[in-house]
Amino acid sequence: MRHEPSTARMVRRLGDSPSRRGSSSGATCPDLFELADGDFAVIGTDRTEELDRLLPNDASRADHERLVVITRETLIRAKRDIPDA
């Protein structure tokens, strides 16, 4: 489901900020955020062209969806903030 930008609101960051993870600029690094509607927003590297053909047969994406990659460290540090349900 696509959400209209005007209704989206970031509630909190999941995990540590880029600067706490050692980013030299503290700004241009992968990041995860929880949205007010319960969805999650991801800042990562768009690798759709490279990875799309590698998806398993039972996985697909819509034209408006992208395959975004974040570092392992980013997700591991966010794990403590991801709700169980």
PDB file of N, CA and C in Angstrom:
ATOM      1  N   MET A   1       0.840  -1.179   0.000  1.00  0.00           N
ATOM      2  CA  MET A   1       0.000   0.000   0.000  1.00  0.00           C
ATOM      3  C   MET A   1       0.885   1.243   0.000  1.00  0.00           C
ATOM      4  N   ARG A   2       0.588   2.180  -0.857  1.00  0.00           N
ATOM      5  CA  ARG A   2       1.333   3.433  -0.911  1.00  0.00           C
ATOM      6  C   ARG A   2       0.655   4.464  -0.030  1.00  0.00           C
ATOM      7  N   HIS A   3       1.446   5.230   0.680  1.00  0.00           N
ATOM      8  CA  HIS A   3       0.923   6.268   1.557  1.00  0.00           C
ATOM      9  C   HIS A   3       1.223   7.631   0.956  1.00  0.00           C
ATOM     10  N   GLU A   4       0.303   8.531   1.120  1.00  0.00           N
ATOM     11  CA  GLU A   4       0.498   9.894   0.650  1.00  0.00           C
ATOM     12  C   GLU A   4       1.536  10.578   1.537  1.00  0.00           C
ATOM     13  N   PRO A   5       2.499  11.282   0.955  1.00  0.00           N
ATOM     14  CA  PRO A   5       3.541  11.937   1.740  1.00  0.00           C
ATOM     15  C   PRO A   5       2.993  12.883   2.803  1.00  0.00           C
ATOM     16  N   SER A   6       1.872  13.518   2.541  1.00  0.00           N
ATOM     17  CA  SER A   6       1.345  14.493   3.495  1.00  0.00           C
ATOM     18  C   SER A   6       0.841  13.831   4.779  1.00  0.00           C
ATOM     19  N   THR A   7       0.558  12.530   4.738  1.00  0.00           N
ATOM     20  CA  THR A   7       0.049  11.855   5.930  1.00  0.00           C
ATOM     21  C   THR A   7       1.150  11.138   6.709  1.00  0.00           C
ATOM     22  N   ALA A   8       2.333  11.018   6.139  1.00  0.00           N
ATOM     23  CA  ALA A   8       3.420  10.301   6.801  1.00  0.00           C
ATOM     24  C   ALA A   8       4.059  11.179   7.885  1.00  0.00           C
ATOM     25  N   ARG A   9       4.401  10.523   8.997  1.00  0.00           N
ATOM     26  CA  ARG A   9       5.097  11.233  10.082  1.00  0.00           C
ATOM     27  C   ARG A   9       6.060  10.256  10.738  1.00  0.00           C
ATOM     28  N   MET A  10       7.315  10.648  10.878  1.00  0.00           N
ATOM     29  CA  MET A  10       8.309   9.800  11.536  1.00  0.00           C
ATOM     30  C   MET A  10       8.154   9.934  13.036  1.00  0.00           C
ATOM     31  N   VAL A  11       8.073   8.780  13.704  1.00  0.00           N
ATOM     32  CA  VAL A  11       7.885   8.761  15.147  1.00  0.00           C
ATOM     33  C   VAL A  11       9.215   8.638  15.871  1.00  0.00           C
ATOM     34  N   ARG A  12      10.088   7.751  15.348  1.00  0.00           N
ATOM     35  CA  ARG A  12      11.366   7.552  16.037  1.00  0.00           C
ATOM     36  C   ARG A  12      12.354   6.841  15.131  1.00  0.00           C
ATOM     37  N   ARG A  13      13.615   7.001  15.468  1.00  0.00           N
ATOM     38  CA  ARG A  13      14.695   6.272  14.794  1.00  0.00           C
ATOM     39  C   ARG A  13      14.822   4.910  15.461  1.00  0.00           C
ATOM     40  N   LEU A  14      15.117   3.904  14.675  1.00  0.00           N
ATOM     41  CA  LEU A  14      15.396   2.574  15.210  1.00  0.00           C
ATOM     42  C   LEU A  14      16.903   2.388  15.212  1.00  0.00           C
ATOM     43  N   GLY A  15      17.446   2.074  16.364  1.00  0.00           N
ATOM     44  CA  GLY A  15      18.893   1.888  16.467  1.00  0.00           C
ATOM     45  C   GLY A  15      19.618   3.193  16.677  1.00  0.00           C
ATOM     46  N   ASP A  16      20.919   3.126  16.481  1.00  0.00           N
ATOM     47  CA  ASP A  16      21.779   4.282  16.711  1.00  0.00           C
ATOM     48  C   ASP A  16      21.824   5.196  15.487  1.00  0.00           C
ATOM     49  N   SER A  17      22.092   6.460  15.733  1.00  0.00           N
ATOM     50  CA  SER A  17      22.244   7.426  14.643  1.00  0.00           C
ATOM     51  C   SER A  17      23.516   7.091  13.852  1.00  0.00           C
ATOM     52  N   PRO A  18      23.607   7.571  12.618  1.00  0.00           N
ATOM     53  CA  PRO A  18      24.823   7.325  11.845  1.00  0.00           C
ATOM     54  C   PRO A  18      26.095   7.771  12.568  1.00  0.00           C
ATOM     55  N   SER A  19      26.060   8.909  13.243  1.00  0.00           N
ATOM     56  CA  SER A  19      27.269   9.369  13.935  1.00  0.00           C
ATOM     57  C   SER A  19      27.670   8.417  15.068  1.00  0.00           C
ATOM     58  N   ARG A  20      26.705   7.837  15.751  1.00  0.00           N
ATOM     59  CA  ARG A  20      27.019   6.859  16.813  1.00  0.00           C
ATOM     60  C   ARG A  20      27.543   5.553  16.239  1.00  0.00           C
ATOM     61  N   ARG A  21      27.220   5.292  14.956  1.00  0.00           N
ATOM     62  CA  ARG A  21      27.734   4.095  14.295  1.00  0.00           C
ATOM     63  C   ARG A  21      29.072   4.360  13.622  1.00  0.00           C
ATOM     64  N   GLY A  22      29.613   5.570  13.768  1.00  0.00           N
ATOM     65  CA  GLY A  22      30.945   5.861  13.256  1.00  0.00           C
ATOM     66  C   GLY A  22      31.002   6.570  11.925  1.00  0.00           C
ATOM     67  N   SER A  23      29.893   7.107  11.448  1.00  0.00           N
ATOM     68  CA  SER A  23      29.906   7.843  10.189  1.00  0.00           C
ATOM     69  C   SER A  23      30.747   9.104  10.351  1.00  0.00           C
ATOM     70  N   SER A  24      31.624   9.327   9.413  1.00  0.00           N
ATOM     71  CA  SER A  24      32.472  10.514   9.511  1.00  0.00           C
ATOM     72  C   SER A  24      31.676  11.795   9.289  1.00  0.00           C
ATOM     73  N   SER A  25      30.663  11.742   8.418  1.00  0.00           N
ATOM     74  CA  SER A  25      29.859  12.936   8.180  1.00  0.00           C
ATOM     75  C   SER A  25      28.656  12.983   9.119  1.00  0.00           C
ATOM     76  N   GLY A  26      28.249  11.805   9.614  1.00  0.00           N
ATOM     77  CA  GLY A  26      27.102  11.742  10.513  1.00  0.00           C
ATOM     78  C   GLY A  26      25.778  11.958   9.833  1.00  0.00           C
ATOM     79  N   ALA A  27      25.775  12.007   8.500  1.00  0.00           N
ATOM     80  CA  ALA A  27      24.534  12.344   7.816  1.00  0.00           C
ATOM     81  C   ALA A  27      24.139  11.365   6.714  1.00  0.00           C
ATOM     82  N   THR A  28      25.078  10.938   5.906  1.00  0.00           N
ATOM     83  CA  THR A  28      24.717  10.163   4.715  1.00  0.00           C
ATOM     84  C   THR A  28      25.000   8.681   4.904  1.00  0.00           C
ATOM     85  N   CYS A  29      24.220   8.068   5.749  1.00  0.00           N
ATOM     86  CA  CYS A  29      24.388   6.651   6.039  1.00  0.00           C
ATOM     87  C   CYS A  29      23.027   5.979   6.107  1.00  0.00           C
ATOM     88  N   PRO A  30      23.008   4.636   6.036  1.00  0.00           N
ATOM     89  CA  PRO A  30      21.742   3.928   6.182  1.00  0.00           C
ATOM     90  C   PRO A  30      21.074   4.286   7.507  1.00  0.00           C
ATOM     91  N   ASP A  31      19.749   4.272   7.505  1.00  0.00           N
ATOM     92  CA  ASP A  31      19.001   4.606   8.714  1.00  0.00           C
ATOM     93  C   ASP A  31      17.616   3.975   8.623  1.00  0.00           C
ATOM     94  N   LEU A  32      16.992   3.743   9.783  1.00  0.00           N
ATOM     95  CA  LEU A  32      15.660   3.151   9.873  1.00  0.00           C
ATOM     96  C   LEU A  32      14.791   4.008  10.770  1.00  0.00           C
ATOM     97  N   PHE A  33      13.536   4.202  10.360  1.00  0.00           N
ATOM     98  CA  PHE A  33      12.603   5.004  11.139  1.00  0.00           C
ATOM     99  C   PHE A  33      11.245   4.323  11.208  1.00  0.00           C
ATOM    100  N   GLU A  34      10.586   4.456  12.344  1.00  0.00           N
ATOM    101  CA  GLU A  34       9.213   3.985  12.481  1.00  0.00           C
ATOM    102  C   GLU A  34       8.289   5.157  12.163  1.00  0.00           C
ATOM    103  N   LEU A  35       7.259   4.874  11.364  1.00  0.00           N
ATOM    104  CA  LEU A  35       6.288   5.899  10.997  1.00  0.00           C
ATOM    105  C   LEU A  35       5.078   5.824  11.918  1.00  0.00           C
ATOM    106  N   ALA A  36       4.331   6.892  11.974  1.00  0.00           N
ATOM    107  CA  ALA A  36       3.167   6.978  12.862  1.00  0.00           C
ATOM    108  C   ALA A  36       2.132   5.899  12.565  1.00  0.00           C
ATOM    109  N   ASP A  37       2.044   5.453  11.317  1.00  0.00           N
ATOM    110  CA  ASP A  37       1.065   4.422  10.964  1.00  0.00           C
ATOM    111  C   ASP A  37       1.559   3.006  11.230  1.00  0.00           C
ATOM    112  N   GLY A  38       2.769   2.878  11.804  1.00  0.00           N
ATOM    113  CA  GLY A  38       3.321   1.564  12.132  1.00  0.00           C
ATOM    114  C   GLY A  38       4.233   0.995  11.066  1.00  0.00           C
ATOM    115  N   ASP A  39       4.289   1.607   9.896  1.00  0.00           N
ATOM    116  CA  ASP A  39       5.212   1.173   8.852  1.00  0.00           C
ATOM    117  C   ASP A  39       6.619   1.663   9.185  1.00  0.00           C
ATOM    118  N   PHE A  40       7.585   1.247   8.364  1.00  0.00           N
ATOM    119  CA  PHE A  40       8.974   1.634   8.574  1.00  0.00           C
ATOM    120  C   PHE A  40       9.539   2.263   7.309  1.00  0.00           C
ATOM    121  N   ALA A  41      10.360   3.280   7.480  1.00  0.00           N
ATOM    122  CA  ALA A  41      11.049   3.941   6.377  1.00  0.00           C
ATOM    123  C   ALA A  41      12.529   3.583   6.471  1.00  0.00           C
ATOM    124  N   VAL A  42      13.134   3.323   5.313  1.00  0.00           N
ATOM    125  CA  VAL A  42      14.529   2.898   5.255  1.00  0.00           C
ATOM    126  C   VAL A  42      15.311   3.840   4.353  1.00  0.00           C
ATOM    127  N   ILE A  43      16.441   4.321   4.848  1.00  0.00           N
ATOM    128  CA  ILE A  43      17.407   5.025   4.008  1.00  0.00           C
ATOM    129  C   ILE A  43      18.506   4.018   3.722  1.00  0.00           C
ATOM    130  N   GLY A  44      18.699   3.721   2.474  1.00  0.00           N
ATOM    131  CA  GLY A  44      19.714   2.754   2.081  1.00  0.00           C
ATOM    132  C   GLY A  44      20.108   2.959   0.640  1.00  0.00           C
ATOM    133  N   THR A  45      20.904   2.062   0.144  1.00  0.00           N
ATOM    134  CA  THR A  45      21.375   2.129  -1.228  1.00  0.00           C
ATOM    135  C   THR A  45      20.406   1.383  -2.133  1.00  0.00           C
ATOM    136  N   ASP A  46      19.903   2.062  -3.150  1.00  0.00           N
ATOM    137  CA  ASP A  46      18.994   1.442  -4.109  1.00  0.00           C
ATOM    138  C   ASP A  46      19.805   0.495  -4.998  1.00  0.00           C
ATOM    139  N   ARG A  47      19.550  -0.803  -4.846  1.00  0.00           N
ATOM    140  CA  ARG A  47      20.248  -1.805  -5.655  1.00  0.00           C
ATOM    141  C   ARG A  47      19.249  -2.648  -6.442  1.00  0.00           C
ATOM    142  N   THR A  48      18.125  -2.030  -6.796  1.00  0.00           N
ATOM    143  CA  THR A  48      17.059  -2.733  -7.498  1.00  0.00           C
ATOM    144  C   THR A  48      17.555  -3.359  -8.801  1.00  0.00           C
ATOM    145  N   GLU A  49      18.242  -2.604  -9.613  1.00  0.00           N
ATOM    146  CA  GLU A  49      18.704  -3.132 -10.900  1.00  0.00           C
ATOM    147  C   GLU A  49      19.566  -4.373 -10.720  1.00  0.00           C
ATOM    148  N   GLU A  50      20.434  -4.350  -9.758  1.00  0.00           N
ATOM    149  CA  GLU A  50      21.361  -5.461  -9.521  1.00  0.00           C
ATOM    150  C   GLU A  50      20.675  -6.679  -8.908  1.00  0.00           C
ATOM    151  N   LEU A  51      19.751  -6.455  -7.967  1.00  0.00           N
ATOM    152  CA  LEU A  51      19.193  -7.558  -7.184  1.00  0.00           C
ATOM    153  C   LEU A  51      17.853  -8.084  -7.683  1.00  0.00           C
ATOM    154  N   ASP A  52      17.152  -7.325  -8.503  1.00  0.00           N
ATOM    155  CA  ASP A  52      15.813  -7.715  -8.940  1.00  0.00           C
ATOM    156  C   ASP A  52      15.797  -9.104  -9.586  1.00  0.00           C
ATOM    157  N   ARG A  53      16.753  -9.384 -10.425  1.00  0.00           N
ATOM    158  CA  ARG A  53      16.796 -10.674 -11.120  1.00  0.00           C
ATOM    159  C   ARG A  53      17.158 -11.831 -10.191  1.00  0.00           C
ATOM    160  N   LEU A  54      17.632 -11.522  -8.993  1.00  0.00           N
ATOM    161  CA  LEU A  54      18.028 -12.554  -8.035  1.00  0.00           C
ATOM    162  C   LEU A  54      16.912 -12.938  -7.067  1.00  0.00           C
ATOM    163  N   LEU A  55      15.781 -12.238  -7.145  1.00  0.00           N
ATOM    164  CA  LEU A  55      14.665 -12.558  -6.250  1.00  0.00           C
ATOM    165  C   LEU A  55      14.195 -13.996  -6.489  1.00  0.00           C
ATOM    166  N   PRO A  56      13.823 -14.698  -5.418  1.00  0.00           N
ATOM    167  CA  PRO A  56      13.283 -16.051  -5.607  1.00  0.00           C
ATOM    168  C   PRO A  56      11.952 -15.995  -6.347  1.00  0.00           C
ATOM    169  N   ASN A  57      11.539 -17.108  -6.922  1.00  0.00           N
ATOM    170  CA  ASN A  57      10.321 -17.171  -7.724  1.00  0.00           C
ATOM    171  C   ASN A  57       9.075 -16.724  -6.971  1.00  0.00           C
ATOM    172  N   ASP A  58       9.039 -16.910  -5.662  1.00  0.00           N
ATOM    173  CA  ASP A  58       7.843 -16.548  -4.895  1.00  0.00           C
ATOM    174  C   ASP A  58       7.909 -15.124  -4.339  1.00  0.00           C
ATOM    175  N   ALA A  59       8.841 -14.317  -4.831  1.00  0.00           N
ATOM    176  CA  ALA A  59       8.958 -12.912  -4.412  1.00  0.00           C
ATOM    177  C   ALA A  59       8.847 -12.019  -5.645  1.00  0.00           C
ATOM    178  N   SER A  60       8.187 -10.899  -5.461  1.00  0.00           N
ATOM    179  CA  SER A  60       8.092  -9.928  -6.550  1.00  0.00           C
ATOM    180  C   SER A  60       7.953  -8.542  -5.949  1.00  0.00           C
ATOM    181  N   ARG A  61       8.084  -7.538  -6.784  1.00  0.00           N
ATOM    182  CA  ARG A  61       7.928  -6.164  -6.323  1.00  0.00           C
ATOM    183  C   ARG A  61       7.130  -5.391  -7.357  1.00  0.00           C
ATOM    184  N   ALA A  62       6.393  -4.409  -6.889  1.00  0.00           N
ATOM    185  CA  ALA A  62       5.640  -3.525  -7.773  1.00  0.00           C
ATOM    186  C   ALA A  62       6.592  -2.487  -8.374  1.00  0.00           C
ATOM    187  N   ASP A  63       6.168  -1.828  -9.417  1.00  0.00           N
ATOM    188  CA  ASP A  63       7.011  -0.825 -10.068  1.00  0.00           C
ATOM    189  C   ASP A  63       7.432   0.295  -9.117  1.00  0.00           C
ATOM    190  N   HIS A  64       6.594   0.619  -8.134  1.00  0.00           N
ATOM    191  CA  HIS A  64       6.929   1.699  -7.203  1.00  0.00           C
ATOM    192  C   HIS A  64       7.799   1.225  -6.038  1.00  0.00           C
ATOM    193  N   GLU A  65       8.091  -0.071  -5.952  1.00  0.00           N
ATOM    194  CA  GLU A  65       8.919  -0.613  -4.869  1.00  0.00           C
ATOM    195  C   GLU A  65      10.368  -0.764  -5.333  1.00  0.00           C
ATOM    196  N   ARG A  66      11.284  -0.569  -4.396  1.00  0.00           N
ATOM    197  CA  ARG A  66      12.712  -0.658  -4.690  1.00  0.00           C
ATOM    198  C   ARG A  66      13.356  -1.660  -3.746  1.00  0.00           C
ATOM    199  N   LEU A  67      14.440  -2.280  -4.170  1.00  0.00           N
ATOM    200  CA  LEU A  67      15.253  -3.132  -3.308  1.00  0.00           C
ATOM    201  C   LEU A  67      16.347  -2.239  -2.719  1.00  0.00           C
ATOM    202  N   VAL A  68      16.242  -1.992  -1.422  1.00  0.00           N
ATOM    203  CA  VAL A  68      17.150  -1.078  -0.738  1.00  0.00           C
ATOM    204  C   VAL A  68      18.007  -1.884   0.229  1.00  0.00           C
ATOM    205  N   VAL A  69      19.296  -1.641   0.192  1.00  0.00           N
ATOM    206  CA  VAL A  69      20.240  -2.370   1.023  1.00  0.00           C
ATOM    207  C   VAL A  69      20.749  -1.462   2.136  1.00  0.00           C
ATOM    208  N   ILE A  70      20.777  -2.013   3.349  1.00  0.00           N
ATOM    209  CA  ILE A  70      21.391  -1.334   4.495  1.00  0.00           C
ATOM    210  C   ILE A  70      22.484  -2.251   5.031  1.00  0.00           C
ATOM    211  N   THR A  71      23.382  -1.704   5.791  1.00  0.00           N
ATOM    212  CA  THR A  71      24.465  -2.524   6.339  1.00  0.00           C
ATOM    213  C   THR A  71      23.940  -3.450   7.430  1.00  0.00           C
ATOM    214  N   ARG A  72      24.625  -4.533   7.620  1.00  0.00           N
ATOM    215  CA  ARG A  72      24.284  -5.479   8.684  1.00  0.00           C
ATOM    216  C   ARG A  72      24.302  -4.786  10.045  1.00  0.00           C
ATOM    217  N   GLU A  73      25.322  -3.952  10.259  1.00  0.00           N
ATOM    218  CA  GLU A  73      25.448  -3.238  11.536  1.00  0.00           C
ATOM    219  C   GLU A  73      24.233  -2.355  11.807  1.00  0.00           C
ATOM    220  N   THR A  74      23.727  -1.701  10.772  1.00  0.00           N
ATOM    221  CA  THR A  74      22.553  -0.840  10.938  1.00  0.00           C
ATOM    222  C   THR A  74      21.365  -1.639  11.449  1.00  0.00           C
ATOM    223  N   LEU A  75      21.102  -2.799  10.844  1.00  0.00           N
ATOM    224  CA  LEU A  75      19.958  -3.615  11.258  1.00  0.00           C
ATOM    225  C   LEU A  75      20.177  -4.229  12.636  1.00  0.00           C
ATOM    226  N   ILE A  76      21.374  -4.699  12.919  1.00  0.00           N
ATOM    227  CA  ILE A  76      21.650  -5.300  14.227  1.00  0.00           C
ATOM    228  C   ILE A  76      21.464  -4.273  15.339  1.00  0.00           C
ATOM    229  N   ARG A  77      21.933  -3.053  15.119  1.00  0.00           N
ATOM    230  CA  ARG A  77      21.759  -2.015  16.145  1.00  0.00           C
ATOM    231  C   ARG A  77      20.309  -1.578  16.285  1.00  0.00           C
ATOM    232  N   ALA A  78      19.514  -1.750  15.233  1.00  0.00           N
ATOM    233  CA  ALA A  78      18.093  -1.391  15.282  1.00  0.00           C
ATOM    234  C   ALA A  78      17.251  -2.495  15.913  1.00  0.00           C
ATOM    235  N   LYS A  79      17.769  -3.696  15.968  1.00  0.00           N
ATOM    236  CA  LYS A  79      16.999  -4.856  16.435  1.00  0.00           C
ATOM    237  C   LYS A  79      16.334  -4.614  17.793  1.00  0.00           C
ATOM    238  N   ARG A  80      17.034  -3.992  18.694  1.00  0.00           N
ATOM    239  CA  ARG A  80      16.486  -3.758  20.045  1.00  0.00           C
ATOM    240  C   ARG A  80      15.252  -2.860  20.028  1.00  0.00           C
ATOM    241  N   ASP A  81      15.108  -2.059  18.981  1.00  0.00           N
ATOM    242  CA  ASP A  81      13.995  -1.118  18.877  1.00  0.00           C
ATOM    243  C   ASP A  81      12.839  -1.629  18.013  1.00  0.00           C
ATOM    244  N   ILE A  82      13.000  -2.780  17.381  1.00  0.00           N
ATOM    245  CA  ILE A  82      11.959  -3.321  16.514  1.00  0.00           C
ATOM    246  C   ILE A  82      10.962  -4.101  17.370  1.00  0.00           C
ATOM    247  N   PRO A  83       9.695  -3.729  17.318  1.00  0.00           N
ATOM    248  CA  PRO A  83       8.694  -4.419  18.150  1.00  0.00           C
ATOM    249  C   PRO A  83       8.536  -5.879  17.734  1.00  0.00           C
ATOM    250  N   ASP A  84       8.167  -6.720  18.708  1.00  0.00           N
ATOM    251  CA  ASP A  84       7.935  -8.136  18.432  1.00  0.00           C
ATOM    252  C   ASP A  84       6.612  -8.368  17.701  1.00  0.00           C
ATOM    253  N   ALA A  85       5.656  -7.513  17.932  1.00  0.00           N
ATOM    254  CA  ALA A  85       4.356  -7.670  17.265  1.00  0.00           C
ATOM    255  C   ALA A  85       3.738  -6.335  16.954  1.00  0.00           C
TER     256      ALA A  85
END
